[in-house]
Amino acid sequence: MLIYSDENLEVIHRPGSSPYLLVTFNEMEIQANGSRYWGQRFCEKADISALGFISRRPNWFPAASVVKAVEAASPILKAAPERILYGHSQGGYAALRYRRRFNATTAIAFCPQVSIDPRSVPYDNRFHRHFSPELHANMGISPDQAAGHAYIFYDPYHAIDRRHAERIAALQAETHLVPVYMTGHGTVRAFTGTERALSLIEACRSNDRARLSTLARAARIDAPMRPYQIAVAATARHPAWADRLHARFGDRFALRERVNFLYHRANRHIRDDDILSARDLLETALSLLPGDPGLKYRLRELDARILRERKVASAL
């Protein structure tokens, strides 16, 4: 049932039989449509009481809208003895940013950002285009927003996500880091499946860190993105190994994963001065994702280099 809506977000309430209320916040790839929310299928399968906050666009849940939405949902929140916040990326940010606003007992965040303000996170330009000074004044996660205990799941090999996670943990009390290696920015995908997600929530509720470590290890081994992450990591120092992994598992990569692998492998060819092999890979990547501006720019850049080198060679 839709209980709140404004220009930035919607809130959907689903009654259920769980002893807690799960407040979910969506990642930027899905958007509000009047009825859906992030984690909906999981909540329906497990009959979980849920309050789904879903943004209308990638907007990192502006505080003014969240405050009004929480007021609208106050009867539901007051009736819940236990409130668990749950989100990925921009949703992970919200799960940590609004811990005190919801008086959360637990917050579970996958790959969150401490902020998307370019002044605060100059090391991360992935989301700067979504920053709005009008919507995001003082948006950074701060110590006074902490409540209950929180868990951040992230891949330590993803340098930018690691930096965000470590900054947040240093700022907010009772915030624990749970590494899930070789999952990239898609760590949440390693915990898909009703049984695994429920086990994760129960371990967080009981503050069972040993159980969380066991779950993280199992999730890492079974993670669908693991072959891709290992292949990409191998391009830097072990390109032949990366090629073997791609030959064996490449048909299982998601489209964007395959394109990203080809892009990184092309860059390694460029470092090795194998320009024509790099160009072939970039052309293949562009055939998979036609019109991608980053790939087109990289290909033009490479063609310009090839032309310059041919002119120099012909002049000798």
Foldseek 3Di string as FASTA:
>chain_A
DWQDDDQWKTKDWDQFDDLAEEEFEEDQPDADDPHDAPCVVLCVVVRHGYIGIGTRGPQLPFPVRVLVVCVSCVVVLVVRPAYEQEYAASSLLVQQQQCVVSLHQEYEYELYAQALDCVVCVVDPPCVVNDDCVRCPVVGRAAVNDHHAYEYEYAVVQPSSVVRLVVNPVGYPRYYYAYQHQCHSNLVQLQDDNVSVVQCVVCRSVVPVVSSNVSSPVSSVVRLRNLLSVLLVCLVPNPVVSVVSCVVCVVSDDLVSNLVSLQSNLVSCVVVVVLVSSLVSLVVSCVSVPPDVVSVVVNVVSVVVVVVVVVVVVVD
